[in-house]
Protein backbone atom coordinates (compact mmCIF):
# COMPACT_ATOMS: atom_id res chain seq x y z
CA MET A 1 -220.94 22.73 38.34
CA ALA A 2 -217.02 22.13 38.58
CA ARG A 3 -214.66 23.89 36.30
CA THR A 4 -213.01 21.71 33.81
CA ARG A 5 -209.06 21.90 33.53
CA THR A 6 -207.59 20.54 30.49
CA THR A 7 -203.93 20.32 29.45
CA LYS A 8 -204.52 22.43 26.38
CA LYS A 9 -205.98 25.10 28.60
CA LEU A 10 -203.25 24.97 31.04
CA ALA A 11 -200.61 25.24 28.07
CA GLN A 12 -202.31 28.34 26.87
CA ARG A 13 -201.47 30.19 30.21
CA ILE A 14 -197.60 29.79 29.51
CA ASP A 15 -195.70 32.56 28.01
CA LEU A 16 -193.58 31.02 25.31
CA ASN A 17 -191.17 34.00 25.09
CA TYR A 18 -190.25 34.17 28.81
CA PHE A 19 -186.59 33.40 28.29
CA LYS A 20 -186.42 36.66 26.02
CA ARG A 21 -187.60 38.96 28.70
CA PRO A 22 -184.80 40.63 30.70
CA THR A 23 -184.61 40.00 34.54
CA LEU A 24 -182.15 41.24 37.31
CA LEU A 25 -180.33 37.91 37.50
CA LYS A 26 -179.70 37.86 33.77
CA ARG A 27 -178.39 41.30 33.75
CA ALA A 28 -176.12 40.46 36.64
CA LYS A 29 -174.79 37.34 34.88
CA LEU A 30 -174.10 39.33 31.65
CA TRP A 31 -172.20 42.08 33.60
CA LEU A 32 -170.20 39.52 35.63
CA SER A 33 -169.02 37.84 32.37
CA VAL A 34 -167.91 41.06 30.87
CA ALA A 35 -166.24 42.18 34.01
CA ALA A 36 -164.46 38.83 34.32
CA LEU A 37 -163.21 39.12 30.62
CA ALA A 38 -162.22 42.54 30.92
CA LEU A 39 -160.15 41.86 34.10
CA ALA A 40 -158.48 38.90 32.35
CA VAL A 41 -157.36 41.23 29.43
CA VAL A 42 -156.25 43.91 31.88
CA TRP A 43 -154.25 41.34 33.98
CA ILE A 44 -152.56 39.94 30.86
CA ALA A 45 -151.91 43.34 29.50
CA TRP A 46 -150.48 44.57 32.82
CA HIS A 47 -148.06 41.53 33.16
CA GLY A 48 -147.03 42.23 29.45
CA PHE A 49 -146.33 45.85 30.16
CA ALA A 50 -144.32 44.90 33.21
CA ARG A 51 -142.62 42.07 31.16
CA ASP A 52 -143.50 39.59 33.85
CA SER A 53 -143.76 36.20 32.24
CA SER A 54 -144.94 34.30 35.33
CA VAL A 55 -148.37 33.96 33.72
CA TYR A 56 -146.97 31.35 31.44
CA SER A 57 -145.45 29.28 34.33
CA SER A 58 -146.80 25.80 34.95
CA GLY A 59 -145.94 25.99 38.75
CA ARG A 60 -143.38 27.36 41.35
CA MET A 61 -139.72 26.79 40.80
CA SER A 62 -137.11 25.33 43.13
CA GLY A 63 -135.55 27.38 45.74
CA ALA A 64 -132.27 27.58 43.85
CA HIS A 65 -134.24 29.09 40.77
CA ALA A 66 -136.83 31.12 42.66
CA VAL A 67 -135.48 34.30 41.39
CA LEU A 68 -136.20 33.19 37.73
CA GLU A 69 -139.85 32.63 38.26
CA ALA A 70 -140.76 35.58 36.33
CA GLU A 71 -137.77 35.13 33.84
CA CYS A 72 -139.15 32.51 31.43
CA ALA A 73 -136.68 33.44 28.75
CA ALA A 74 -133.68 32.82 30.82
CA CYS A 75 -134.36 29.09 30.43
CA HIS A 76 -136.99 28.68 27.66
CA VAL A 77 -136.32 29.59 23.99
CA GLN A 78 -138.75 32.35 23.05
CA THR A 79 -140.26 32.29 19.37
CA ALA A 80 -142.86 34.45 17.82
CA GLY A 81 -143.89 35.64 21.27
CA THR A 82 -144.18 32.15 22.78
CA PHE A 83 -141.87 30.15 25.05
CA SER A 84 -140.78 26.50 24.23
CA ALA A 85 -142.30 23.83 26.54
CA LYS A 86 -138.87 22.40 27.57
CA ALA A 87 -135.97 24.32 28.99
CA SER A 88 -133.00 24.43 26.80
CA ALA A 89 -129.78 22.42 27.97
CA THR A 90 -127.61 25.27 26.71
CA ALA A 91 -129.40 27.67 29.07
CA CYS A 92 -128.71 25.35 31.98
CA LEU A 93 -124.95 25.04 31.10
CA SER A 94 -124.72 28.96 30.69
CA CYS A 95 -125.07 29.32 34.46
CA HIS A 96 -123.32 26.16 35.93
CA ASP A 97 -121.33 23.39 34.24
CA GLY A 98 -122.35 19.88 34.64
CA PRO A 99 -119.75 17.55 33.55
CA MET A 100 -120.87 14.18 32.32
CA HIS A 101 -120.68 10.94 34.36
CA HIS A 102 -119.15 8.59 31.75
CA ALA A 103 -117.77 9.42 28.42
CA ALA A 104 -118.48 5.97 27.07
CA LYS A 105 -122.28 6.00 27.87
CA THR A 106 -124.73 5.47 25.13
CA ASN A 107 -127.65 7.46 26.41
CA ALA A 108 -126.69 11.07 27.26
CA GLY A 109 -129.97 12.83 27.75
CA ASP A 110 -130.35 16.39 28.63
CA CYS A 111 -130.51 18.41 32.00
CA ALA A 112 -134.27 18.35 32.22
CA THR A 113 -134.54 14.55 31.90
CA CYS A 114 -133.38 14.25 35.56
CA HIS A 115 -133.89 17.74 36.94
CA ALA A 116 -137.61 18.63 36.29
CA GLU A 117 -138.54 22.06 37.38
CA HIS A 118 -141.71 23.78 38.21
CA ARG A 119 -142.65 21.22 41.04
CA GLY A 120 -142.49 23.76 43.89
CA ARG A 121 -139.75 24.27 46.38
CA VAL A 122 -138.07 20.89 45.93
CA SER A 123 -134.29 19.94 45.59
CA LEU A 124 -133.45 19.77 41.96
CA ILE A 125 -130.42 17.43 42.93
CA ALA A 126 -132.98 14.77 44.19
CA ALA A 127 -133.43 13.05 40.94
CA LYS A 128 -135.79 10.04 40.69
CA ASN A 129 -134.44 6.40 40.67
CA GLU A 130 -136.21 6.06 37.41
CA SER A 131 -133.66 8.57 35.93
CA CYS A 132 -130.87 6.49 37.01
CA ALA A 133 -132.38 3.34 36.05
CA GLN A 134 -132.71 4.58 32.49
CA CYS A 135 -129.08 3.79 32.09
CA HIS A 136 -128.21 1.47 34.85
CA GLY A 137 -131.26 -0.82 34.63
CA ASP A 138 -129.44 -2.08 31.31
CA LEU A 139 -126.13 -0.54 31.42
CA LYS A 140 -124.43 -0.33 27.98
CA THR A 141 -121.32 1.68 26.81
CA SER A 142 -120.00 2.39 23.42
CA ASN A 143 -117.19 0.17 23.70
CA GLY A 144 -119.44 -2.86 24.60
CA ALA A 145 -117.75 -3.47 28.09
CA THR A 146 -118.32 -2.14 31.52
CA ARG A 147 -116.79 -2.86 34.89
CA PHE A 148 -119.84 -1.97 36.75
CA ALA A 149 -123.05 -3.78 37.62
CA ALA A 150 -125.22 -3.61 34.68
CA HIS A 151 -128.63 -4.18 35.88
CA ILE A 152 -129.69 -1.93 38.92
CA GLU A 153 -133.08 -0.59 39.17
CA SER A 154 -132.83 0.71 42.74
CA PHE A 155 -131.00 0.01 46.03
CA GLU A 156 -133.46 -2.72 46.71
CA ASP A 157 -133.50 -4.24 43.20
CA GLY A 158 -130.43 -5.29 41.71
CA HIS A 159 -127.65 -3.43 43.82
CA PRO A 160 -124.82 -5.73 44.43
CA GLU A 161 -122.70 -5.94 47.58
CA PHE A 162 -120.38 -3.04 48.10
CA ALA A 163 -117.17 -3.48 46.08
CA ALA A 164 -114.87 -3.27 49.08
CA LEU A 165 -116.43 -6.50 50.33
CA ARG A 166 -116.67 -8.37 47.21
CA SER A 167 -114.30 -11.16 46.49
CA ASN A 168 -112.14 -11.02 43.50
CA GLY A 169 -111.44 -14.08 41.54
CA GLY A 170 -112.26 -16.24 44.58
CA VAL A 171 -109.95 -14.18 46.82
CA ALA A 172 -111.61 -12.63 49.72
CA ALA A 173 -111.46 -8.74 50.02
CA ASN A 174 -108.74 -7.57 52.33
CA ASP A 175 -107.49 -4.51 54.04
CA PRO A 176 -104.20 -3.35 52.29
CA GLY A 177 -103.07 -1.51 55.58
CA THR A 178 -99.90 -2.66 56.92
CA ILE A 179 -100.49 -1.68 60.62
CA ARG A 180 -100.83 -4.82 62.67
CA VAL A 181 -104.08 -4.52 64.80
CA ASN A 182 -106.23 -6.98 66.65
CA HIS A 183 -109.71 -5.34 67.05
CA ALA A 184 -111.14 -8.21 69.18
CA ILE A 185 -108.46 -7.80 71.78
CA HIS A 186 -108.98 -4.07 72.02
CA MET A 187 -112.66 -4.26 72.36
CA LYS A 188 -112.28 -6.42 75.49
CA PRO A 189 -111.02 -5.20 78.86
CA ILE A 190 -107.22 -4.87 78.33
CA ARG A 191 -104.28 -3.87 80.42
CA ARG A 192 -103.10 -0.41 79.93
CA GLY A 193 -99.11 -0.75 79.65
CA PRO A 194 -97.07 -3.37 81.34
CA ASN A 195 -97.93 -2.35 84.91
CA GLY A 196 -101.20 -0.33 84.34
CA PRO A 197 -104.74 -1.33 85.08
CA ASN A 198 -107.32 -2.99 83.02
CA VAL A 199 -109.29 -0.57 80.92
CA GLN A 200 -112.33 -0.91 78.44
CA LEU A 201 -111.70 0.93 75.21
CA ALA A 202 -114.41 2.57 73.13
CA CYS A 203 -114.42 3.04 69.27
CA GLY A 204 -114.22 6.76 69.84
CA ASP A 205 -110.90 6.40 71.83
CA CYS A 206 -109.06 5.54 68.39
CA HIS A 207 -111.51 6.50 65.77
CA GLN A 208 -112.76 10.17 65.31
CA PRO A 209 -113.63 12.29 62.36
CA GLY A 210 -110.79 14.85 61.38
CA ALA A 211 -112.90 17.90 62.28
CA VAL A 212 -113.80 16.55 65.68
CA SER A 213 -112.07 18.31 68.62
CA ALA A 214 -112.97 15.84 71.34
CA SER A 215 -110.38 14.92 73.97
CA TRP A 216 -108.28 11.75 73.43
CA ALA A 217 -108.37 9.48 76.59
CA TYR A 218 -104.93 7.69 75.56
CA ALA A 219 -102.99 10.51 74.07
CA ASP A 220 -99.52 11.34 75.23
CA ALA A 221 -98.53 15.14 75.21
CA ARG A 222 -94.78 14.18 74.62
CA TYR A 223 -95.84 12.63 71.24
CA THR A 224 -98.80 14.91 70.19
CA SER A 225 -96.55 17.91 70.31
CA ALA A 226 -93.68 16.34 68.54
CA ASN A 227 -92.88 16.76 64.65
CA THR A 228 -92.30 13.71 62.73
CA SER A 229 -90.26 13.22 59.42
CA TYR A 230 -93.10 11.34 57.79
CA SER A 231 -96.10 13.20 56.44
CA LYS A 232 -99.83 12.50 56.50
CA GLN A 233 -99.60 11.42 52.80
CA ASP A 234 -97.36 8.65 53.89
CA GLU A 235 -99.87 7.17 56.23
CA VAL A 236 -103.09 7.07 53.90
CA ARG A 237 -103.75 5.15 50.78
CA ALA A 238 -104.22 7.08 47.61
CA LEU A 239 -107.78 7.48 46.35
CA GLN A 240 -108.46 5.08 43.53
CA PRO A 241 -108.75 6.61 40.04
CA GLY A 242 -112.18 7.16 38.62
CA ALA A 243 -113.70 8.34 41.84
CA LEU A 244 -116.25 11.13 41.32
CA ALA A 245 -115.44 14.23 43.42
CA ARG A 246 -118.17 15.96 45.56
CA LEU A 247 -119.97 18.98 44.40
CA MET A 248 -120.24 20.28 48.10
CA PRO A 249 -117.06 20.77 50.04
CA MET A 250 -116.45 18.32 52.89
CA THR A 251 -116.99 19.37 56.50
CA GLY A 252 -114.45 16.99 57.89
CA ARG A 253 -116.91 14.96 59.81
CA GLU A 254 -117.88 12.53 57.10
CA LEU A 255 -114.98 10.29 57.22
CA MET A 256 -112.80 8.96 59.95
CA ALA A 257 -109.27 10.39 60.37
CA PRO A 258 -106.27 8.11 60.33
CA VAL A 259 -105.55 6.57 63.57
CA ARG A 260 -102.38 8.15 65.08
CA PHE A 261 -100.11 6.70 67.50
CA ALA A 262 -99.76 9.85 69.47
CA TYR A 263 -103.40 10.32 70.13
CA ALA A 264 -104.78 6.84 70.35
CA CYS A 265 -101.92 4.40 71.10
CA ALA A 266 -99.09 6.24 73.23
CA GLY A 267 -101.16 6.20 76.38
CA CYS A 268 -100.81 2.42 76.50
CA HIS A 269 -98.04 1.23 74.20
CA SER A 270 -94.67 2.63 75.64
CA LEU A 271 -91.75 3.18 73.49
CA ASP A 272 -89.29 2.74 76.42
CA PHE A 273 -85.85 1.72 75.50
CA ASP A 274 -83.54 1.61 78.54
CA LYS A 275 -84.16 1.69 82.39
CA ARG A 276 -81.86 4.46 82.66
CA PHE A 277 -84.41 6.90 80.98
CA ASP A 278 -87.92 7.80 81.87
CA GLU A 279 -88.79 8.64 78.27
CA GLY A 280 -89.57 6.67 75.10
CA VAL A 281 -87.97 6.99 71.56
CA PRO A 282 -89.60 9.25 68.96
CA HIS A 283 -92.50 7.37 66.92
CA ASP A 284 -90.59 8.12 63.70
CA GLU A 285 -88.59 6.55 61.00
CA PRO A 286 -85.70 4.35 62.05
CA GLU A 287 -82.89 6.83 61.07
CA VAL A 288 -84.64 9.38 63.49
CA VAL A 289 -84.81 6.80 66.34
CA HIS A 290 -81.20 5.86 65.81
CA ALA A 291 -80.06 9.47 65.97
CA PHE A 292 -82.10 9.95 69.01
CA LEU A 293 -80.58 7.07 70.88
CA ALA A 294 -77.10 7.88 69.81
CA LYS A 295 -77.66 11.27 71.24
CA ARG A 296 -79.27 10.24 74.52
CA PHE A 297 -76.66 7.61 75.21
CA GLY A 298 -73.96 10.05 74.38
CA GLU A 299 -75.27 12.64 76.91
CA TYR A 300 -75.68 9.96 79.54
CA ILE A 301 -72.17 8.52 79.27
CA ALA A 302 -70.72 12.03 79.34
CA ALA A 303 -72.55 12.61 82.69
CA HIS A 304 -71.66 9.16 84.01
CA PRO A 305 -68.17 8.37 82.90
CA GLY A 306 -68.00 5.63 85.58
CA GLU A 307 -70.44 3.31 83.63
CA GLU A 308 -67.47 2.98 80.86
CA ARG A 309 -66.40 0.03 83.17
CA ASP A 310 -68.78 -2.77 81.91
CA VAL A 311 -69.16 -5.69 84.46
CA ARG A 312 -70.66 -8.82 82.98
CA GLU A 313 -73.88 -10.03 84.74
CA PRO A 314 -73.77 -13.97 84.85
CA ALA A 315 -77.55 -14.10 85.05
CA ARG A 316 -77.86 -12.59 81.61
CA ASP A 317 -75.41 -15.23 79.96
CA LEU A 318 -77.44 -17.09 77.00
CA THR A 319 -76.82 -20.64 76.15
CA GLY A 320 -74.98 -21.14 73.08
CA LYS A 321 -73.66 -17.55 73.14
CA PRO A 322 -69.89 -16.68 73.66
CA VAL A 323 -69.21 -15.57 77.19
CA ALA A 324 -67.99 -12.05 77.50
CA PRO A 325 -65.17 -11.16 79.67
CA GLU A 326 -66.11 -10.47 83.30
CA VAL A 327 -64.99 -6.84 83.20
CA ARG A 328 -64.55 -4.72 80.07
CA VAL A 329 -63.56 -1.12 79.94
CA LEU A 330 -64.98 0.65 76.93
CA THR A 331 -64.42 3.93 75.27
CA PRO A 332 -67.46 6.27 75.34
CA ALA A 333 -67.91 5.79 71.60
CA GLN A 334 -68.02 2.01 72.15
CA TRP A 335 -70.36 2.25 75.00
CA VAL A 336 -72.80 4.36 73.00
CA ALA A 337 -72.51 2.12 70.11
CA GLU A 338 -73.33 -1.05 72.25
CA ARG A 339 -76.20 0.65 74.10
CA THR A 340 -77.71 1.98 70.93
CA ALA A 341 -77.47 -1.53 69.21
CA GLU A 342 -79.07 -3.17 72.33
CA ALA A 343 -82.01 -0.62 72.49
CA GLU A 344 -82.51 -0.92 68.65
CA ASP A 345 -82.58 -4.82 68.86
CA LEU A 346 -85.04 -4.59 71.88
CA LEU A 347 -87.26 -2.19 69.83
CA SER A 348 -87.19 -4.31 66.67
CA ARG A 349 -87.90 -7.66 68.52
CA LYS A 350 -90.66 -6.58 70.79
CA THR A 351 -91.89 -2.99 70.64
CA CYS A 352 -92.16 -2.05 67.03
CA LYS A 353 -92.85 -5.51 65.88
CA GLN A 354 -96.18 -5.45 67.68
CA CYS A 355 -97.59 -3.15 65.21
CA HIS A 356 -95.28 -2.86 62.25
CA ALA A 357 -93.90 -5.40 59.70
CA LEU A 358 -90.24 -4.69 59.78
CA SER A 359 -87.93 -5.58 56.79
CA PHE A 360 -84.38 -5.72 56.66
CA ALA A 361 -84.32 -5.89 52.70
CA LYS A 362 -81.57 -4.45 50.49
CA LYS A 363 -81.23 -0.66 50.19
CA ASP A 364 -82.70 -0.56 46.80
CA ASP A 365 -85.69 -2.36 47.72
CA HIS A 366 -86.56 -0.01 50.64
CA LYS A 367 -88.61 2.52 48.57
CA LYS A 368 -90.71 -0.34 47.02
CA ILE A 369 -91.46 -1.73 50.39
CA LEU A 370 -92.29 1.64 51.81
CA GLN A 371 -94.70 2.46 49.18
CA SER A 372 -96.45 -0.92 48.19
CA GLY A 373 -95.44 -3.33 50.98
CA THR A 374 -98.15 -5.24 52.63
CA PRO A 375 -97.68 -7.69 55.51
CA ALA A 376 -97.75 -10.71 53.17
CA GLU A 377 -95.14 -9.11 50.93
CA LEU A 378 -93.00 -8.23 53.89
CA SER A 379 -92.86 -11.71 55.41
CA SER A 380 -91.12 -12.89 52.33
CA ASN A 381 -88.75 -10.00 52.16
CA SER A 382 -87.94 -9.93 55.93
CA GLY A 383 -84.90 -11.81 57.28
CA SER A 384 -82.26 -11.72 59.97
CA SER A 385 -80.76 -8.41 60.65
CA THR A 386 -77.72 -7.43 58.76
CA GLY A 387 -76.74 -4.71 61.03
CA GLY A 388 -78.58 -2.04 59.17
CA LEU A 389 -81.47 -0.16 59.97
CA PRO A 390 -85.02 -1.84 59.24
CA THR A 391 -87.47 -0.50 56.82
CA ILE A 392 -91.00 0.26 57.89
CA PRO A 393 -93.62 0.39 55.31
CA TYR A 394 -96.14 3.04 54.95
CA ALA A 395 -99.29 2.59 56.97
CA ASN A 396 -101.35 2.47 53.79
CA ILE A 397 -104.64 3.46 55.73
CA THR A 398 -107.85 3.44 53.63
CA LEU A 399 -109.72 6.68 54.40
CA GLN A 400 -112.59 6.21 51.69
CA TRP A 401 -113.56 2.68 51.23
CA MET A 402 -116.17 3.45 48.74
CA PRO A 403 -114.82 6.00 46.23
CA HIS A 404 -117.90 5.93 44.05
CA ALA A 405 -120.18 6.69 46.72
CA LYS A 406 -120.59 9.45 49.62
CA PHE A 407 -121.05 8.57 53.15
CA ASP A 408 -121.34 10.84 56.25
CA HIS A 409 -120.58 9.49 59.67
CA ASP A 410 -121.86 12.72 61.23
CA ALA A 411 -125.45 11.88 60.02
CA HIS A 412 -125.19 8.45 61.66
CA ARG A 413 -123.84 9.88 64.95
CA GLY A 414 -126.92 8.73 66.94
CA PHE A 415 -126.04 5.00 66.38
CA SER A 416 -123.33 3.18 68.21
CA CYS A 417 -120.41 2.06 66.15
CA GLU A 418 -120.76 -1.62 66.95
CA SER A 419 -124.38 -1.56 65.48
CA CYS A 420 -122.95 -1.12 62.07
CA HIS A 421 -119.40 -2.46 62.36
CA GLN A 422 -120.16 -5.70 64.22
CA LYS A 423 -117.12 -7.40 62.60
CA ALA A 424 -114.85 -5.39 64.88
CA LEU A 425 -115.96 -7.33 67.93
CA THR A 426 -114.49 -10.53 66.53
CA SER A 427 -111.82 -9.44 64.06
CA THR A 428 -108.35 -10.80 64.95
CA GLU A 429 -106.57 -10.07 61.48
CA THR A 430 -105.28 -6.78 60.10
CA SER A 431 -106.52 -7.75 56.70
CA ASP A 432 -110.07 -8.04 57.66
CA VAL A 433 -112.37 -5.47 56.07
CA LEU A 434 -114.65 -4.07 58.87
CA LEU A 435 -116.96 -2.25 56.50
CA PRO A 436 -120.65 -2.94 57.18
CA GLY A 437 -122.30 -4.75 54.28
CA ILE A 438 -125.41 -3.75 52.20
CA ALA A 439 -127.72 -5.72 54.32
CA THR A 440 -126.73 -3.64 57.32
CA CYS A 441 -127.66 -0.34 55.44
CA LYS A 442 -131.00 -1.97 53.95
CA ALA A 443 -132.13 -2.33 57.53
CA CYS A 444 -132.68 1.46 57.80
CA HIS A 445 -132.53 2.57 54.26
CA ALA A 446 -135.75 1.27 52.48
CA PRO A 447 -138.79 2.80 50.84
CA GLY A 448 -141.56 3.86 53.18
CA PRO A 449 -142.01 6.71 55.64
CA GLU A 450 -140.75 4.58 58.44
CA HIS A 451 -137.31 4.19 56.95
CA ALA A 452 -134.53 6.52 56.01
CA GLU A 453 -133.97 7.72 52.33
CA SER A 454 -132.84 5.00 50.04
CA ARG A 455 -132.89 6.70 46.51
CA CYS A 456 -129.82 6.63 44.41
CA LEU A 457 -128.95 10.16 45.19
CA GLU A 458 -128.50 9.38 48.81
CA CYS A 459 -125.16 7.67 48.35
CA HIS A 460 -124.17 8.61 44.63
CA THR A 461 -123.44 11.60 42.46
CA TYR A 462 -123.65 11.91 38.69
CA HIS A 463 -121.54 14.71 37.54
CA ASP A 464 -117.79 14.37 37.65
CA TRP A 465 -117.10 17.71 39.24
CA SER A 466 -113.29 17.19 39.03
CA LYS A 467 -113.84 18.01 35.25
CA ARG A 468 -116.03 20.94 36.01
CA LYS A 469 -115.31 24.03 33.71
CA GLU A 470 -115.90 27.69 34.60
CA VAL A 471 -118.70 29.41 32.91
CA LYS A 472 -118.87 33.11 31.89
CA PRO A 473 -121.92 34.58 33.88
CA ALA A 474 -124.59 35.87 31.57
CA PHE A 475 -127.62 36.51 33.83
CA THR A 476 -128.46 39.79 35.48
CA LEU A 477 -130.97 40.12 38.21
CA PRO A 478 -134.09 41.95 37.22
CA ALA A 479 -133.57 44.62 39.91
CA LEU A 480 -130.22 45.51 38.54
CA ARG A 481 -131.09 45.87 34.82
CA GLN A 482 -131.84 49.51 35.10
CA THR A 483 -129.81 51.90 32.83
CA GLY A 484 -126.53 52.80 34.40
CA ASN A 485 -126.22 49.69 36.77
């Protein structure tokens, strides 16, 4: 007869107190829990005894602050044995001063708003676009007016054309420089000197950063080694007020140095003044040139007294001009004065006039023309020679076209000059601004891994480091805190 198995009989076989009976697995779990808790307590106590506060850290710090990873109290306020969640702005300023951007801003914020720590070995300077857009997305100032674009979210959203290229009141942007140059002619094959061969100039033959020591293809040693009476400050345009100074020092490769006659022009543009000499006049102020001519002609006539007898050349008679006597005997002083005047007239009418806007204004107006004269202003001031020396305005070369931004030519050295400065191929006027527009920059600088960085920090700085204040150092390295050090 088969055995009958019911649910009741099966239930009676189960020990209802099985979970109370100790087993090897249960003992192991108990001791592991106790050991983990004991290790945690020992670990915390050990860090407390060693005064290592890194246990409170929410993540690794940036490379600049790596030495402070175990020094929470250096940045966070400690109260009742705990640290504040946010770092104190006072703590930041105790080590390095960060001057404000604009005094008229309405939203100041604190250091941690833009520079968030505990994100690993990242650059603290690399603030997010959102940090900038907090103010510049809807820019407001305490006085209610601003001369900057008021709605910029990012380089791609709302950023206007560069100020140097924007028109002002319907007037197109122009280069305030006074040196006459036709870029289109110089970018084509051009004759080197009156009797020289044709050459193809490259941008680097005239434009190089100041720190570059490359050779100059069209330099003239006679001029590169000569001293001039004008200074470098007379050549360049003063930086506009309000520009923010850089925190890091410049390497000399960021911006192009002023184009100098001795290095870029002298190899092609001769300053010859008379067939009796195989040298040119100095590239200098008219007073220096005048003294040079008088000295050279004085030395020449002293060595060639026979030339004091001046014989008229009929082929050089000009219609409408009085006919000079066929033979004249001049004193040395007269001969020097006439030759000097002829050479200066030649230089003024042909040589110097090619690049400079000469003015024969009154003496009282010379300083004004030198400092602020532009080709347009000089054309209204210039007139027929009155026998005096001309005035040549300062070159007024702009070194930094974007004073509120930073740019580095050295970072773009892999690209040809023409790829960005396309206007140089067709520019015929001195007043043309050959700066690349924002569309050219956006071709490379855009969001995404296949493009170059386009965040605000790439071109702009925030703190006005020209107003930086020195701070009194207060932090001591942990290794140096021992007694007696």
